[in-house]
Amino acid sequence: MSDAMLLLMLGQAGVRRRFLTCPMKMVGSTISRAEKGDQDKESKEESILALLGIIGTILNLIVIIFVYIYTTL
């Protein structure tokens, strides 16, 4: 058995032991209307930023294509 395989097996055993011995508590949480409104606002902002990133990437690709065409002529 290779050393890498042995280390991988030991790491998996350590992780398994940590999950089995770690006590977990379930905590109920409620989201208020203000928090939900904030999450909706953040979600809209994130979608706008993602759209702007996609548009910027497309514009960069168009510029690269035009520069390539201009320099090869």
PDB file of N, CA and C in Angstrom:
ATOM      1  N   MET A   1       0.846  -1.162   0.000  1.00  0.00           N
ATOM      2  CA  MET A   1       0.000   0.000   0.000  1.00  0.00           C
ATOM      3  C   MET A   1       0.902   1.239   0.000  1.00  0.00           C
ATOM      4  N   SER A   2       0.551   2.219  -0.819  1.00  0.00           N
ATOM      5  CA  SER A   2       1.381   3.418  -0.913  1.00  0.00           C
ATOM      6  C   SER A   2       1.143   4.329   0.290  1.00  0.00           C
ATOM      7  N   ASP A   3       2.099   5.217   0.498  1.00  0.00           N
ATOM      8  CA  ASP A   3       1.995   6.148   1.622  1.00  0.00           C
ATOM      9  C   ASP A   3       0.795   7.079   1.474  1.00  0.00           C
ATOM     10  N   ALA A   4       0.527   7.507   0.236  1.00  0.00           N
ATOM     11  CA  ALA A   4      -0.591   8.421   0.016  1.00  0.00           C
ATOM     12  C   ALA A   4      -1.915   7.749   0.378  1.00  0.00           C
ATOM     13  N   MET A   5      -2.052   6.484   0.023  1.00  0.00           N
ATOM     14  CA  MET A   5      -3.284   5.757   0.318  1.00  0.00           C
ATOM     15  C   MET A   5      -3.452   5.589   1.832  1.00  0.00           C
ATOM     16  N   LEU A   6      -2.343   5.315   2.524  1.00  0.00           N
ATOM     17  CA  LEU A   6      -2.385   5.160   3.971  1.00  0.00           C
ATOM     18  C   LEU A   6      -2.795   6.467   4.640  1.00  0.00           C
ATOM     19  N   LEU A   7      -2.235   7.596   4.186  1.00  0.00           N
ATOM     20  CA  LEU A   7      -2.601   8.894   4.749  1.00  0.00           C
ATOM     21  C   LEU A   7      -4.068   9.214   4.492  1.00  0.00           C
ATOM     22  N   LEU A   8      -4.549   8.887   3.309  1.00  0.00           N
ATOM     23  CA  LEU A   8      -5.941   9.127   2.977  1.00  0.00           C
ATOM     24  C   LEU A   8      -6.867   8.330   3.892  1.00  0.00           C
ATOM     25  N   MET A   9      -6.527   7.068   4.141  1.00  0.00           N
ATOM     26  CA  MET A   9      -7.349   6.229   5.006  1.00  0.00           C
ATOM     27  C   MET A   9      -7.348   6.760   6.448  1.00  0.00           C
ATOM     28  N   LEU A  10      -6.178   7.216   6.933  1.00  0.00           N
ATOM     29  CA  LEU A  10      -6.099   7.761   8.284  1.00  0.00           C
ATOM     30  C   LEU A  10      -6.900   9.051   8.405  1.00  0.00           C
ATOM     31  N   GLY A  11      -6.847   9.886   7.374  1.00  0.00           N
ATOM     32  CA  GLY A  11      -7.605  11.137   7.379  1.00  0.00           C
ATOM     33  C   GLY A  11      -9.097  10.885   7.418  1.00  0.00           C
ATOM     34  N   GLN A  12      -9.565   9.888   6.655  1.00  0.00           N
ATOM     35  CA  GLN A  12     -10.992   9.576   6.642  1.00  0.00           C
ATOM     36  C   GLN A  12     -11.443   9.070   8.006  1.00  0.00           C
ATOM     37  N   ALA A  13     -10.615   8.279   8.648  1.00  0.00           N
ATOM     38  CA  ALA A  13     -10.973   7.757   9.968  1.00  0.00           C
ATOM     39  C   ALA A  13     -11.058   8.893  10.977  1.00  0.00           C
ATOM     40  N   GLY A  14     -10.140   9.866  10.886  1.00  0.00           N
ATOM     41  CA  GLY A  14     -10.159  11.004  11.800  1.00  0.00           C
ATOM     42  C   GLY A  14     -11.402  11.853  11.623  1.00  0.00           C
ATOM     43  N   VAL A  15     -11.792  12.074  10.373  1.00  0.00           N
ATOM     44  CA  VAL A  15     -12.990  12.865  10.098  1.00  0.00           C
ATOM     45  C   VAL A  15     -14.221  12.132  10.598  1.00  0.00           C
ATOM     46  N   ARG A  16     -14.295  10.841  10.357  1.00  0.00           N
ATOM     47  CA  ARG A  16     -15.439  10.049  10.799  1.00  0.00           C
ATOM     48  C   ARG A  16     -15.557  10.097  12.319  1.00  0.00           C
ATOM     49  N   ARG A  17     -14.433   9.970  13.013  1.00  0.00           N
ATOM     50  CA  ARG A  17     -14.436   9.978  14.471  1.00  0.00           C
ATOM     51  C   ARG A  17     -14.888  11.350  14.985  1.00  0.00           C
ATOM     52  N   ARG A  18     -14.458  12.424  14.326  1.00  0.00           N
ATOM     53  CA  ARG A  18     -14.830  13.770  14.752  1.00  0.00           C
ATOM     54  C   ARG A  18     -16.333  13.977  14.620  1.00  0.00           C
ATOM     55  N   PHE A  19     -16.925  13.470  13.540  1.00  0.00           N
ATOM     56  CA  PHE A  19     -18.360  13.632  13.353  1.00  0.00           C
ATOM     57  C   PHE A  19     -19.153  12.783  14.338  1.00  0.00           C
ATOM     58  N   LEU A  20     -18.642  11.621  14.681  1.00  0.00           N
ATOM     59  CA  LEU A  20     -19.384  10.743  15.575  1.00  0.00           C
ATOM     60  C   LEU A  20     -19.326  11.218  17.018  1.00  0.00           C
ATOM     61  N   THR A  21     -18.217  11.846  17.424  1.00  0.00           N
ATOM     62  CA  THR A  21     -18.073  12.240  18.827  1.00  0.00           C
ATOM     63  C   THR A  21     -18.518  13.663  19.087  1.00  0.00           C
ATOM     64  N   CYS A  22     -18.743  14.448  18.054  1.00  0.00           N
ATOM     65  CA  CYS A  22     -19.124  15.847  18.231  1.00  0.00           C
ATOM     66  C   CYS A  22     -20.615  15.949  18.522  1.00  0.00           C
ATOM     67  N   PRO A  23     -20.976  16.461  19.706  1.00  0.00           N
ATOM     68  CA  PRO A  23     -22.414  16.598  20.000  1.00  0.00           C
ATOM     69  C   PRO A  23     -22.998  17.770  19.212  1.00  0.00           C
ATOM     70  N   MET A  24     -24.152  17.546  18.654  1.00  0.00           N
ATOM     71  CA  MET A  24     -24.793  18.597  17.873  1.00  0.00           C
ATOM     72  C   MET A  24     -26.145  18.920  18.481  1.00  0.00           C
ATOM     73  N   LYS A  25     -26.488  20.187  18.440  1.00  0.00           N
ATOM     74  CA  LYS A  25     -27.777  20.627  18.945  1.00  0.00           C
ATOM     75  C   LYS A  25     -28.528  21.270  17.793  1.00  0.00           C
ATOM     76  N   MET A  26     -29.789  20.938  17.698  1.00  0.00           N
ATOM     77  CA  MET A  26     -30.631  21.539  16.677  1.00  0.00           C
ATOM     78  C   MET A  26     -31.245  22.800  17.266  1.00  0.00           C
ATOM     79  N   VAL A  27     -31.075  23.900  16.582  1.00  0.00           N
ATOM     80  CA  VAL A  27     -31.612  25.168  17.057  1.00  0.00           C
ATOM     81  C   VAL A  27     -32.604  25.669  16.031  1.00  0.00           C
ATOM     82  N   GLY A  28     -33.809  25.910  16.445  1.00  0.00           N
ATOM     83  CA  GLY A  28     -34.813  26.440  15.543  1.00  0.00           C
ATOM     84  C   GLY A  28     -34.596  27.932  15.343  1.00  0.00           C
ATOM     85  N   SER A  29     -34.819  28.386  14.133  1.00  0.00           N
ATOM     86  CA  SER A  29     -34.660  29.816  13.878  1.00  0.00           C
ATOM     87  C   SER A  29     -35.844  30.302  13.063  1.00  0.00           C
ATOM     88  N   THR A  30     -36.234  31.498  13.354  1.00  0.00           N
ATOM     89  CA  THR A  30     -37.302  32.115  12.596  1.00  0.00           C
ATOM     90  C   THR A  30     -36.746  33.349  11.913  1.00  0.00           C
ATOM     91  N   ILE A  31     -37.237  33.591  10.710  1.00  0.00           N
ATOM     92  CA  ILE A  31     -36.782  34.739   9.949  1.00  0.00           C
ATOM     93  C   ILE A  31     -37.873  35.789   9.999  1.00  0.00           C
ATOM     94  N   SER A  32     -37.506  36.965  10.465  1.00  0.00           N
ATOM     95  CA  SER A  32     -38.487  38.035  10.540  1.00  0.00           C
ATOM     96  C   SER A  32     -38.726  38.604   9.146  1.00  0.00           C
ATOM     97  N   ARG A  33     -39.763  39.388   9.022  1.00  0.00           N
ATOM     98  CA  ARG A  33     -40.093  39.974   7.719  1.00  0.00           C
ATOM     99  C   ARG A  33     -39.014  40.940   7.267  1.00  0.00           C
ATOM    100  N   ALA A  34     -38.410  41.652   8.205  1.00  0.00           N
ATOM    101  CA  ALA A  34     -37.345  42.597   7.855  1.00  0.00           C
ATOM    102  C   ALA A  34     -36.140  41.845   7.309  1.00  0.00           C
ATOM    103  N   GLU A  35     -35.786  40.736   7.950  1.00  0.00           N
ATOM    104  CA  GLU A  35     -34.658  39.937   7.477  1.00  0.00           C
ATOM    105  C   GLU A  35     -34.956  39.335   6.113  1.00  0.00           C
ATOM    106  N   LYS A  36     -36.203  38.906   5.915  1.00  0.00           N
ATOM    107  CA  LYS A  36     -36.578  38.333   4.625  1.00  0.00           C
ATOM    108  C   LYS A  36     -36.505  39.399   3.538  1.00  0.00           C
ATOM    109  N   GLY A  37     -36.936  40.618   3.866  1.00  0.00           N
ATOM    110  CA  GLY A  37     -36.843  41.721   2.913  1.00  0.00           C
ATOM    111  C   GLY A  37     -35.403  42.048   2.574  1.00  0.00           C
ATOM    112  N   ASP A  38     -34.523  41.995   3.596  1.00  0.00           N
ATOM    113  CA  ASP A  38     -33.101  42.231   3.355  1.00  0.00           C
ATOM    114  C   ASP A  38     -32.513  41.149   2.457  1.00  0.00           C
ATOM    115  N   GLN A  39     -32.938  39.892   2.689  1.00  0.00           N
ATOM    116  CA  GLN A  39     -32.438  38.798   1.855  1.00  0.00           C
ATOM    117  C   GLN A  39     -32.907  38.949   0.417  1.00  0.00           C
ATOM    118  N   ASP A  40     -34.153  39.377   0.229  1.00  0.00           N
ATOM    119  CA  ASP A  40     -34.666  39.595  -1.124  1.00  0.00           C
ATOM    120  C   ASP A  40     -33.892  40.704  -1.822  1.00  0.00           C
ATOM    121  N   LYS A  41     -33.612  41.773  -1.078  1.00  0.00           N
ATOM    122  CA  LYS A  41     -32.862  42.897  -1.642  1.00  0.00           C
ATOM    123  C   LYS A  41     -31.450  42.454  -2.029  1.00  0.00           C
ATOM    124  N   GLU A  42     -30.794  41.693  -1.152  1.00  0.00           N
ATOM    125  CA  GLU A  42     -29.456  41.195  -1.445  1.00  0.00           C
ATOM    126  C   GLU A  42     -29.485  40.253  -2.638  1.00  0.00           C
ATOM    127  N   SER A  43     -30.522  39.457  -2.754  1.00  0.00           N
ATOM    128  CA  SER A  43     -30.641  38.529  -3.866  1.00  0.00           C
ATOM    129  C   SER A  43     -30.758  39.290  -5.189  1.00  0.00           C
ATOM    130  N   LYS A  44     -31.549  40.367  -5.186  1.00  0.00           N
ATOM    131  CA  LYS A  44     -31.683  41.188  -6.396  1.00  0.00           C
ATOM    132  C   LYS A  44     -30.357  41.840  -6.749  1.00  0.00           C
ATOM    133  N   GLU A  45     -29.651  42.337  -5.733  1.00  0.00           N
ATOM    134  CA  GLU A  45     -28.354  42.967  -5.974  1.00  0.00           C
ATOM    135  C   GLU A  45     -27.367  41.965  -6.555  1.00  0.00           C
ATOM    136  N   GLU A  46     -27.360  40.763  -6.012  1.00  0.00           N
ATOM    137  CA  GLU A  46     -26.446  39.735  -6.503  1.00  0.00           C
ATOM    138  C   GLU A  46     -26.764  39.349  -7.940  1.00  0.00           C
ATOM    139  N   SER A  47     -28.056  39.268  -8.273  1.00  0.00           N
ATOM    140  CA  SER A  47     -28.413  38.898  -9.642  1.00  0.00           C
ATOM    141  C   SER A  47     -28.038  40.013 -10.617  1.00  0.00           C
ATOM    142  N   ILE A  48     -28.185  41.270 -10.196  1.00  0.00           N
ATOM    143  CA  ILE A  48     -27.772  42.382 -11.051  1.00  0.00           C
ATOM    144  C   ILE A  48     -26.261  42.376 -11.251  1.00  0.00           C
ATOM    145  N   LEU A  49     -25.523  42.144 -10.179  1.00  0.00           N
ATOM    146  CA  LEU A  49     -24.061  42.097 -10.302  1.00  0.00           C
ATOM    147  C   LEU A  49     -23.616  40.933 -11.177  1.00  0.00           C
ATOM    148  N   ALA A  50     -24.289  39.805 -11.068  1.00  0.00           N
ATOM    149  CA  ALA A  50     -23.948  38.657 -11.914  1.00  0.00           C
ATOM    150  C   ALA A  50     -24.215  38.976 -13.378  1.00  0.00           C
ATOM    151  N   LEU A  51     -25.331  39.631 -13.653  1.00  0.00           N
ATOM    152  CA  LEU A  51     -25.663  40.020 -15.020  1.00  0.00           C
ATOM    153  C   LEU A  51     -24.644  41.008 -15.568  1.00  0.00           C
ATOM    154  N   LEU A  52     -24.241  41.979 -14.745  1.00  0.00           N
ATOM    155  CA  LEU A  52     -23.218  42.933 -15.174  1.00  0.00           C
ATOM    156  C   LEU A  52     -21.885  42.239 -15.445  1.00  0.00           C
ATOM    157  N   GLY A  53     -21.554  41.240 -14.646  1.00  0.00           N
ATOM    158  CA  GLY A  53     -20.325  40.481 -14.873  1.00  0.00           C
ATOM    159  C   GLY A  53     -20.368  39.723 -16.187  1.00  0.00           C
ATOM    160  N   ILE A  54     -21.510  39.137 -16.507  1.00  0.00           N
ATOM    161  CA  ILE A  54     -21.658  38.403 -17.766  1.00  0.00           C
ATOM    162  C   ILE A  54     -21.561  39.358 -18.945  1.00  0.00           C
ATOM    163  N   ILE A  55     -22.227  40.516 -18.842  1.00  0.00           N
ATOM    164  CA  ILE A  55     -22.169  41.506 -19.923  1.00  0.00           C
ATOM    165  C   ILE A  55     -20.739  42.004 -20.106  1.00  0.00           C
ATOM    166  N   GLY A  56     -20.047  42.278 -19.018  1.00  0.00           N
ATOM    167  CA  GLY A  56     -18.655  42.721 -19.090  1.00  0.00           C
ATOM    168  C   GLY A  56     -17.757  41.681 -19.745  1.00  0.00           C
ATOM    169  N   THR A  57     -17.976  40.416 -19.425  1.00  0.00           N
ATOM    170  CA  THR A  57     -17.181  39.345 -20.027  1.00  0.00           C
ATOM    171  C   THR A  57     -17.421  39.270 -21.527  1.00  0.00           C
ATOM    172  N   ILE A  58     -18.673  39.383 -21.942  1.00  0.00           N
ATOM    173  CA  ILE A  58     -18.998  39.337 -23.368  1.00  0.00           C
ATOM    174  C   ILE A  58     -18.366  40.522 -24.093  1.00  0.00           C
ATOM    175  N   LEU A  59     -18.449  41.717 -23.499  1.00  0.00           N
ATOM    176  CA  LEU A  59     -17.833  42.886 -24.123  1.00  0.00           C
ATOM    177  C   LEU A  59     -16.317  42.737 -24.226  1.00  0.00           C
ATOM    178  N   ASN A  60     -15.689  42.173 -23.212  1.00  0.00           N
ATOM    179  CA  ASN A  60     -14.241  41.924 -23.265  1.00  0.00           C
ATOM    180  C   ASN A  60     -13.898  40.959 -24.393  1.00  0.00           C
ATOM    181  N   LEU A  61     -14.694  39.923 -24.575  1.00  0.00           N
ATOM    182  CA  LEU A  61     -14.441  38.976 -25.661  1.00  0.00           C
ATOM    183  C   LEU A  61     -14.586  39.648 -27.027  1.00  0.00           C
ATOM    184  N   ILE A  62     -15.581  40.527 -27.158  1.00  0.00           N
ATOM    185  CA  ILE A  62     -15.764  41.244 -28.430  1.00  0.00           C
ATOM    186  C   ILE A  62     -14.560  42.136 -28.708  1.00  0.00           C
ATOM    187  N   VAL A  63     -14.073  42.837 -27.699  1.00  0.00           N
ATOM    188  CA  VAL A  63     -12.898  43.692 -27.866  1.00  0.00           C
ATOM    189  C   VAL A  63     -11.685  42.856 -28.263  1.00  0.00           C
ATOM    190  N   ILE A  64     -11.504  41.709 -27.627  1.00  0.00           N
ATOM    191  CA  ILE A  64     -10.369  40.838 -27.964  1.00  0.00           C
ATOM    192  C   ILE A  64     -10.468  40.380 -29.415  1.00  0.00           C
ATOM    193  N   ILE A  65     -11.656  40.031 -29.870  1.00  0.00           N
ATOM    194  CA  ILE A  65     -11.837  39.591 -31.257  1.00  0.00           C
ATOM    195  C   ILE A  65     -11.509  40.720 -32.222  1.00  0.00           C
ATOM    196  N   PHE A  66     -12.015  41.939 -31.955  1.00  0.00           N
ATOM    197  CA  PHE A  66     -11.722  43.070 -32.834  1.00  0.00           C
ATOM    198  C   PHE A  66     -10.232  43.400 -32.859  1.00  0.00           C
ATOM    199  N   VAL A  67      -9.586  43.360 -31.709  1.00  0.00           N
ATOM    200  CA  VAL A  67      -8.145  43.637 -31.660  1.00  0.00           C
ATOM    201  C   VAL A  67      -7.380  42.567 -32.430  1.00  0.00           C
ATOM    202  N   TYR A  68      -7.783  41.317 -32.311  1.00  0.00           N
ATOM    203  CA  TYR A  68      -7.124  40.240 -33.050  1.00  0.00           C
ATOM    204  C   TYR A  68      -7.288  40.442 -34.557  1.00  0.00           C
ATOM    205  N   ILE A  69      -8.509  40.778 -34.981  1.00  0.00           N
ATOM    206  CA  ILE A  69      -8.762  41.008 -36.414  1.00  0.00           C
ATOM    207  C   ILE A  69      -7.950  42.207 -36.885  1.00  0.00           C
ATOM    208  N   TYR A  70      -7.917  43.285 -36.124  1.00  0.00           N
ATOM    209  CA  TYR A  70      -7.196  44.498 -36.519  1.00  0.00           C
ATOM    210  C   TYR A  70      -5.698  44.231 -36.636  1.00  0.00           C
ATOM    211  N   THR A  71      -5.140  43.454 -35.705  1.00  0.00           N
ATOM    212  CA  THR A  71      -3.685  43.239 -35.730  1.00  0.00           C
ATOM    213  C   THR A  71      -3.283  42.224 -36.789  1.00  0.00           C
ATOM    214  N   THR A  72      -4.185  41.360 -37.225  1.00  0.00           N
ATOM    215  CA  THR A  72      -3.802  40.371 -38.244  1.00  0.00           C
ATOM    216  C   THR A  72      -3.985  40.912 -39.661  1.00  0.00           C
ATOM    217  N   LEU A  73      -4.674  42.020 -39.859  1.00  0.00           N
ATOM    218  CA  LEU A  73      -4.862  42.585 -41.213  1.00  0.00           C
ATOM    219  C   LEU A  73      -3.712  43.420 -41.634  1.00  0.00           C
TER     220      LEU A  73
END
